Amino acid sequence: MKDCNCIFCKIANGEIPSATLYEDPDFRVILDLNPASKGHALVLPKEHYANVFELPEDLAGKAFVVAKKVASRLSEGLGAIGFNIVQNNGELAGQTVFHFHIHLIPRYEGDTVHVGWKPGTLSDDDKKEILDLFE
């Protein structure tokens, strides 16, 4: 299913031109127009899923196979010394386009990319509550 109002649906399906790095029947990988670093790319499914929770499991697996393939080629070709593979779900988590996508961000010595958080502490109460979800 496509969402006629979704910019990523239009890009993924070739209705809007993009700098395409990879394409198969399920995905298109493009260069991000507002890159965090040189080679920053987006893995886009051709069908519309707002987030990872809507994405079927088989496509979730394929998405990360595609991400690994493209990230490896970018890393080798551009000489990146690290790589962030980022997937955001929901506005609070930093998602700005509500079409599932994976950011592939090559990292270089001295770059200004910031992906991180202030580490907290796992309390015994939180640990028990979370572990109970999986019993």
N, C-alpha and C. Protein backbone atom coordinates (compact mmCIF):
# COMPACT_ATOMS: atom_id res chain seq x y z
N MET A 1 0.83 -1.18 0.00
CA MET A 1 0.00 0.00 0.00
C MET A 1 0.88 1.25 0.00
N LYS A 2 0.47 2.23 -0.77
CA LYS A 2 1.16 3.51 -0.80
C LYS A 2 0.27 4.57 -0.18
N ASP A 3 0.87 5.58 0.39
CA ASP A 3 0.15 6.74 0.90
C ASP A 3 0.41 7.87 -0.09
N CYS A 4 -0.62 8.28 -0.81
CA CYS A 4 -0.47 9.29 -1.87
C CYS A 4 0.07 10.63 -1.35
N ASN A 5 -0.04 10.87 -0.05
CA ASN A 5 0.44 12.13 0.52
C ASN A 5 1.82 12.01 1.15
N CYS A 6 2.42 10.83 1.08
CA CYS A 6 3.70 10.59 1.74
C CYS A 6 4.87 10.85 0.79
N ILE A 7 5.73 11.78 1.16
CA ILE A 7 6.88 12.13 0.33
C ILE A 7 7.82 10.94 0.15
N PHE A 8 8.01 10.12 1.19
CA PHE A 8 8.91 8.97 1.07
C PHE A 8 8.31 7.89 0.19
N CYS A 9 6.98 7.74 0.17
CA CYS A 9 6.35 6.80 -0.77
C CYS A 9 6.65 7.23 -2.20
N LYS A 10 6.54 8.53 -2.45
CA LYS A 10 6.78 9.05 -3.80
C LYS A 10 8.24 8.87 -4.21
N ILE A 11 9.16 9.10 -3.28
CA ILE A 11 10.58 8.92 -3.57
C ILE A 11 10.89 7.44 -3.77
N ALA A 12 10.42 6.61 -2.86
CA ALA A 12 10.72 5.17 -2.91
C ALA A 12 10.20 4.52 -4.18
N ASN A 13 9.13 5.05 -4.72
CA ASN A 13 8.53 4.48 -5.92
C ASN A 13 8.90 5.22 -7.20
N GLY A 14 9.89 6.12 -7.11
CA GLY A 14 10.42 6.77 -8.30
C GLY A 14 9.59 7.91 -8.85
N GLU A 15 8.58 8.35 -8.12
CA GLU A 15 7.75 9.47 -8.59
C GLU A 15 8.46 10.81 -8.41
N ILE A 16 9.37 10.87 -7.46
CA ILE A 16 10.21 12.05 -7.22
C ILE A 16 11.65 11.59 -7.40
N PRO A 17 12.43 12.29 -8.22
CA PRO A 17 13.82 11.88 -8.45
C PRO A 17 14.64 11.89 -7.16
N SER A 18 15.59 10.97 -7.08
CA SER A 18 16.47 10.90 -5.92
C SER A 18 17.83 10.36 -6.37
N ALA A 19 18.80 10.55 -5.54
CA ALA A 19 20.12 9.97 -5.78
C ALA A 19 20.07 8.55 -5.20
N THR A 20 19.72 7.61 -6.05
CA THR A 20 19.50 6.23 -5.61
C THR A 20 20.81 5.45 -5.59
N LEU A 21 21.10 4.85 -4.43
CA LEU A 21 22.30 4.04 -4.28
C LEU A 21 22.01 2.56 -4.52
N TYR A 22 20.79 2.14 -4.21
CA TYR A 22 20.41 0.73 -4.28
C TYR A 22 18.90 0.65 -4.46
N GLU A 23 18.47 -0.36 -5.22
CA GLU A 23 17.03 -0.58 -5.36
C GLU A 23 16.78 -2.06 -5.60
N ASP A 24 15.72 -2.58 -4.99
CA ASP A 24 15.24 -3.93 -5.25
C ASP A 24 13.71 -3.85 -5.24
N PRO A 25 13.00 -4.94 -5.37
CA PRO A 25 11.53 -4.86 -5.43
C PRO A 25 10.88 -4.28 -4.17
N ASP A 26 11.55 -4.36 -3.02
CA ASP A 26 10.96 -3.90 -1.76
C ASP A 26 11.49 -2.58 -1.24
N PHE A 27 12.71 -2.20 -1.62
CA PHE A 27 13.37 -1.04 -1.03
C PHE A 27 14.08 -0.18 -2.07
N ARG A 28 14.22 1.09 -1.72
CA ARG A 28 15.10 2.02 -2.43
C ARG A 28 15.96 2.69 -1.35
N VAL A 29 17.25 2.80 -1.61
CA VAL A 29 18.16 3.50 -0.70
C VAL A 29 18.65 4.74 -1.42
N ILE A 30 18.48 5.89 -0.76
CA ILE A 30 18.81 7.17 -1.36
C ILE A 30 19.77 7.95 -0.48
N LEU A 31 20.47 8.90 -1.09
CA LEU A 31 21.25 9.85 -0.30
C LEU A 31 20.30 10.84 0.36
N ASP A 32 20.54 11.12 1.64
CA ASP A 32 19.74 12.10 2.38
C ASP A 32 20.07 13.49 1.85
N LEU A 33 19.05 14.30 1.59
CA LEU A 33 19.27 15.67 1.09
C LEU A 33 19.80 16.61 2.18
N ASN A 34 19.65 16.22 3.44
CA ASN A 34 20.16 17.01 4.56
C ASN A 34 21.07 16.11 5.40
N PRO A 35 22.23 15.75 4.85
CA PRO A 35 23.05 14.73 5.49
C PRO A 35 23.72 15.17 6.78
N ALA A 36 23.80 14.22 7.71
CA ALA A 36 24.56 14.43 8.95
C ALA A 36 26.05 14.32 8.67
N SER A 37 26.40 13.52 7.65
CA SER A 37 27.79 13.35 7.24
C SER A 37 27.82 12.94 5.78
N LYS A 38 29.00 12.95 5.18
CA LYS A 38 29.17 12.54 3.79
C LYS A 38 28.76 11.07 3.65
N GLY A 39 27.80 10.81 2.75
CA GLY A 39 27.33 9.45 2.52
C GLY A 39 26.08 9.07 3.28
N HIS A 40 25.53 9.99 4.09
CA HIS A 40 24.31 9.71 4.86
C HIS A 40 23.21 9.28 3.90
N ALA A 41 22.67 8.10 4.12
CA ALA A 41 21.66 7.54 3.23
C ALA A 41 20.44 7.08 4.02
N LEU A 42 19.34 6.86 3.30
CA LEU A 42 18.09 6.40 3.90
C LEU A 42 17.62 5.13 3.20
N VAL A 43 17.26 4.13 3.97
CA VAL A 43 16.66 2.90 3.46
C VAL A 43 15.15 3.09 3.55
N LEU A 44 14.47 3.06 2.40
CA LEU A 44 13.03 3.30 2.34
C LEU A 44 12.30 2.08 1.77
N PRO A 45 11.32 1.54 2.49
CA PRO A 45 10.50 0.51 1.85
C PRO A 45 9.58 1.16 0.82
N LYS A 46 9.25 0.43 -0.24
CA LYS A 46 8.38 0.98 -1.28
C LYS A 46 6.92 1.02 -0.85
N GLU A 47 6.55 0.16 0.10
CA GLU A 47 5.21 0.21 0.67
C GLU A 47 5.23 1.14 1.88
N HIS A 48 4.07 1.67 2.22
CA HIS A 48 3.99 2.62 3.34
C HIS A 48 3.74 1.91 4.66
N TYR A 49 4.65 2.14 5.59
CA TYR A 49 4.50 1.72 6.98
C TYR A 49 4.97 2.91 7.80
N ALA A 50 4.15 3.38 8.73
CA ALA A 50 4.49 4.59 9.47
C ALA A 50 5.71 4.41 10.36
N ASN A 51 5.91 3.19 10.87
CA ASN A 51 7.01 2.96 11.81
C ASN A 51 7.33 1.48 11.87
N VAL A 52 8.30 1.10 12.69
CA VAL A 52 8.74 -0.29 12.78
C VAL A 52 7.63 -1.21 13.28
N PHE A 53 6.70 -0.67 14.06
CA PHE A 53 5.63 -1.49 14.61
C PHE A 53 4.63 -1.92 13.54
N GLU A 54 4.53 -1.18 12.46
CA GLU A 54 3.65 -1.53 11.34
C GLU A 54 4.35 -2.40 10.31
N LEU A 55 5.66 -2.41 10.30
CA LEU A 55 6.45 -3.12 9.30
C LEU A 55 6.34 -4.63 9.52
N PRO A 56 5.96 -5.40 8.50
CA PRO A 56 5.92 -6.85 8.67
C PRO A 56 7.32 -7.39 9.00
N GLU A 57 7.37 -8.48 9.77
CA GLU A 57 8.64 -9.03 10.23
C GLU A 57 9.57 -9.40 9.09
N ASP A 58 9.03 -9.96 8.00
CA ASP A 58 9.92 -10.34 6.89
C ASP A 58 10.58 -9.12 6.28
N LEU A 59 9.84 -8.00 6.17
CA LEU A 59 10.43 -6.78 5.62
C LEU A 59 11.40 -6.14 6.60
N ALA A 60 11.13 -6.28 7.90
CA ALA A 60 12.07 -5.75 8.90
C ALA A 60 13.42 -6.43 8.75
N GLY A 61 13.40 -7.74 8.58
CA GLY A 61 14.64 -8.47 8.38
C GLY A 61 15.34 -8.04 7.10
N LYS A 62 14.58 -7.93 6.01
CA LYS A 62 15.15 -7.51 4.73
C LYS A 62 15.73 -6.10 4.82
N ALA A 63 15.06 -5.22 5.57
CA ALA A 63 15.52 -3.83 5.70
C ALA A 63 16.93 -3.79 6.29
N PHE A 64 17.19 -4.62 7.28
CA PHE A 64 18.51 -4.60 7.91
C PHE A 64 19.55 -5.32 7.07
N VAL A 65 19.14 -6.27 6.24
CA VAL A 65 20.08 -6.87 5.29
C VAL A 65 20.51 -5.81 4.28
N VAL A 66 19.54 -5.04 3.77
CA VAL A 66 19.85 -3.96 2.83
C VAL A 66 20.73 -2.90 3.51
N ALA A 67 20.38 -2.55 4.76
CA ALA A 67 21.17 -1.55 5.49
C ALA A 67 22.62 -2.01 5.63
N LYS A 68 22.82 -3.26 5.97
CA LYS A 68 24.18 -3.79 6.14
C LYS A 68 24.95 -3.74 4.81
N LYS A 69 24.29 -4.14 3.74
CA LYS A 69 24.93 -4.17 2.42
C LYS A 69 25.37 -2.77 2.00
N VAL A 70 24.47 -1.80 2.12
CA VAL A 70 24.79 -0.44 1.68
C VAL A 70 25.79 0.22 2.63
N ALA A 71 25.63 0.02 3.94
CA ALA A 71 26.56 0.61 4.90
C ALA A 71 27.97 0.08 4.69
N SER A 72 28.09 -1.21 4.39
CA SER A 72 29.41 -1.79 4.15
C SER A 72 30.08 -1.14 2.95
N ARG A 73 29.32 -0.97 1.88
CA ARG A 73 29.89 -0.38 0.66
C ARG A 73 30.26 1.09 0.90
N LEU A 74 29.39 1.83 1.59
CA LEU A 74 29.70 3.23 1.89
C LEU A 74 30.94 3.33 2.78
N SER A 75 31.00 2.50 3.80
CA SER A 75 32.12 2.54 4.73
C SER A 75 33.44 2.27 4.01
N GLU A 76 33.47 1.23 3.19
CA GLU A 76 34.68 0.88 2.46
C GLU A 76 35.03 1.95 1.43
N GLY A 77 34.03 2.41 0.70
CA GLY A 77 34.27 3.36 -0.38
C GLY A 77 34.63 4.76 0.07
N LEU A 78 34.08 5.17 1.21
CA LEU A 78 34.32 6.54 1.69
C LEU A 78 35.36 6.62 2.80
N GLY A 79 35.82 5.47 3.26
CA GLY A 79 36.83 5.47 4.31
C GLY A 79 36.30 5.86 5.67
N ALA A 80 35.02 5.61 5.93
CA ALA A 80 34.46 5.91 7.24
C ALA A 80 35.12 5.02 8.29
N ILE A 81 35.31 5.57 9.48
CA ILE A 81 35.95 4.78 10.56
C ILE A 81 34.92 4.29 11.58
N GLY A 82 33.67 4.60 11.35
CA GLY A 82 32.57 4.15 12.19
C GLY A 82 31.28 4.31 11.41
N PHE A 83 30.20 3.83 11.99
CA PHE A 83 28.92 3.91 11.29
C PHE A 83 27.78 3.89 12.29
N ASN A 84 26.82 4.79 12.13
CA ASN A 84 25.59 4.73 12.91
C ASN A 84 24.48 4.24 11.99
N ILE A 85 23.73 3.27 12.47
CA ILE A 85 22.52 2.81 11.79
C ILE A 85 21.39 3.14 12.75
N VAL A 86 20.54 4.10 12.36
CA VAL A 86 19.56 4.69 13.26
C VAL A 86 18.16 4.54 12.69
N GLN A 87 17.23 4.16 13.55
CA GLN A 87 15.84 4.02 13.13
C GLN A 87 14.97 4.62 14.24
N ASN A 88 14.26 5.70 13.95
CA ASN A 88 13.45 6.42 14.93
C ASN A 88 11.97 6.09 14.75
N ASN A 89 11.24 6.01 15.87
CA ASN A 89 9.80 5.73 15.84
C ASN A 89 9.06 6.72 16.72
N GLY A 90 8.27 7.57 16.10
CA GLY A 90 7.49 8.57 16.83
C GLY A 90 8.22 9.90 16.93
N GLU A 91 7.42 10.94 17.04
CA GLU A 91 7.96 12.30 17.08
C GLU A 91 8.94 12.49 18.24
N LEU A 92 8.58 11.99 19.41
CA LEU A 92 9.45 12.15 20.58
C LEU A 92 10.80 11.49 20.38
N ALA A 93 10.85 10.44 19.56
CA ALA A 93 12.10 9.73 19.28
C ALA A 93 12.88 10.35 18.13
N GLY A 94 12.37 11.43 17.55
CA GLY A 94 13.09 12.12 16.49
C GLY A 94 12.60 11.81 15.09
N GLN A 95 11.51 11.04 14.96
CA GLN A 95 10.99 10.75 13.62
C GLN A 95 10.29 11.99 13.09
N THR A 96 10.68 12.43 11.89
CA THR A 96 10.08 13.62 11.30
C THR A 96 9.25 13.31 10.06
N VAL A 97 9.53 12.18 9.41
CA VAL A 97 8.73 11.71 8.29
C VAL A 97 8.15 10.37 8.72
N PHE A 98 6.84 10.25 8.71
CA PHE A 98 6.18 9.08 9.28
C PHE A 98 5.97 7.99 8.24
N HIS A 99 7.11 7.57 7.68
CA HIS A 99 7.25 6.44 6.76
C HIS A 99 8.50 5.74 7.28
N PHE A 100 8.39 4.48 7.67
CA PHE A 100 9.55 3.76 8.21
C PHE A 100 10.77 4.01 7.33
N HIS A 101 11.89 4.29 7.96
CA HIS A 101 13.15 4.43 7.25
C HIS A 101 14.31 4.23 8.21
N ILE A 102 15.43 3.84 7.65
CA ILE A 102 16.65 3.63 8.43
C ILE A 102 17.69 4.62 7.93
N HIS A 103 18.29 5.34 8.87
CA HIS A 103 19.40 6.26 8.54
C HIS A 103 20.70 5.48 8.56
N LEU A 104 21.50 5.62 7.52
CA LEU A 104 22.84 5.06 7.46
C LEU A 104 23.80 6.24 7.49
N ILE A 105 24.54 6.40 8.58
CA ILE A 105 25.36 7.59 8.78
C ILE A 105 26.83 7.20 8.95
N PRO A 106 27.63 7.39 7.89
CA PRO A 106 29.07 7.13 8.02
C PRO A 106 29.68 8.12 9.01
N ARG A 107 30.68 7.65 9.76
CA ARG A 107 31.33 8.50 10.74
C ARG A 107 32.80 8.67 10.41
N TYR A 108 33.29 9.88 10.63
CA TYR A 108 34.67 10.24 10.29
C TYR A 108 35.32 10.93 11.48
N GLU A 109 36.62 10.81 11.57
CA GLU A 109 37.37 11.50 12.61
C GLU A 109 37.05 12.99 12.57
N GLY A 110 36.68 13.57 13.69
CA GLY A 110 36.42 15.00 13.79
C GLY A 110 35.07 15.45 13.26
N ASP A 111 34.17 14.52 12.89
CA ASP A 111 32.86 14.97 12.40
C ASP A 111 32.04 15.57 13.54
N THR A 112 30.95 16.20 13.21
CA THR A 112 30.13 16.87 14.22
C THR A 112 28.80 16.16 14.45
N VAL A 113 28.72 14.90 14.07
CA VAL A 113 27.49 14.12 14.24
C VAL A 113 27.36 13.75 15.72
N HIS A 114 26.15 13.90 16.25
CA HIS A 114 25.89 13.54 17.65
C HIS A 114 24.70 12.59 17.71
N VAL A 115 24.96 11.35 18.04
CA VAL A 115 23.90 10.37 18.28
C VAL A 115 24.22 9.77 19.63
N GLY A 116 23.42 10.09 20.64
CA GLY A 116 23.74 9.57 21.96
C GLY A 116 22.77 10.03 23.02
N TRP A 117 23.08 9.67 24.25
CA TRP A 117 22.25 10.01 25.39
C TRP A 117 23.11 9.99 26.64
N LYS A 118 22.59 10.56 27.70
CA LYS A 118 23.27 10.53 28.99
C LYS A 118 22.91 9.20 29.65
N PRO A 119 23.89 8.33 29.92
CA PRO A 119 23.59 7.05 30.53
C PRO A 119 22.94 7.20 31.90
N GLY A 120 21.94 6.39 32.13
CA GLY A 120 21.26 6.37 33.42
C GLY A 120 21.67 5.15 34.21
N THR A 121 20.83 4.77 35.18
CA THR A 121 21.08 3.61 36.03
C THR A 121 19.85 2.72 36.00
N LEU A 122 20.04 1.43 35.83
CA LEU A 122 18.94 0.48 35.85
C LEU A 122 18.62 0.13 37.29
N SER A 123 17.45 0.57 37.77
CA SER A 123 17.06 0.26 39.15
C SER A 123 16.52 -1.17 39.22
N ASP A 124 16.53 -1.75 40.39
CA ASP A 124 15.99 -3.10 40.57
C ASP A 124 14.50 -3.14 40.25
N ASP A 125 13.76 -2.09 40.63
CA ASP A 125 12.32 -2.04 40.35
C ASP A 125 12.06 -1.99 38.84
N ASP A 126 12.79 -1.15 38.13
CA ASP A 126 12.62 -1.07 36.67
C ASP A 126 12.99 -2.39 36.01
N LYS A 127 14.08 -2.99 36.46
CA LYS A 127 14.51 -4.25 35.88
C LYS A 127 13.43 -5.31 36.06
N LYS A 128 12.86 -5.42 37.27
CA LYS A 128 11.81 -6.41 37.52
C LYS A 128 10.59 -6.15 36.66
N GLU A 129 10.16 -4.89 36.58
CA GLU A 129 8.99 -4.53 35.77
C GLU A 129 9.19 -4.93 34.30
N ILE A 130 10.35 -4.65 33.79
CA ILE A 130 10.63 -4.94 32.38
C ILE A 130 10.77 -6.44 32.16
N LEU A 131 11.49 -7.12 33.00
CA LEU A 131 11.64 -8.57 32.86
C LEU A 131 10.29 -9.28 32.95
N ASP A 132 9.38 -8.77 33.79
CA ASP A 132 8.04 -9.36 33.94
C ASP A 132 7.25 -9.30 32.64
N LEU A 133 7.54 -8.32 31.78
CA LEU A 133 6.86 -8.21 30.50
C LEU A 133 7.14 -9.41 29.60
N PHE A 134 8.25 -10.09 29.84
CA PHE A 134 8.69 -11.17 28.96
C PHE A 134 8.52 -12.56 29.56
N GLU A 135 7.82 -12.64 30.70
CA GLU A 135 7.56 -13.95 31.29
C GLU A 135 6.30 -14.55 30.74
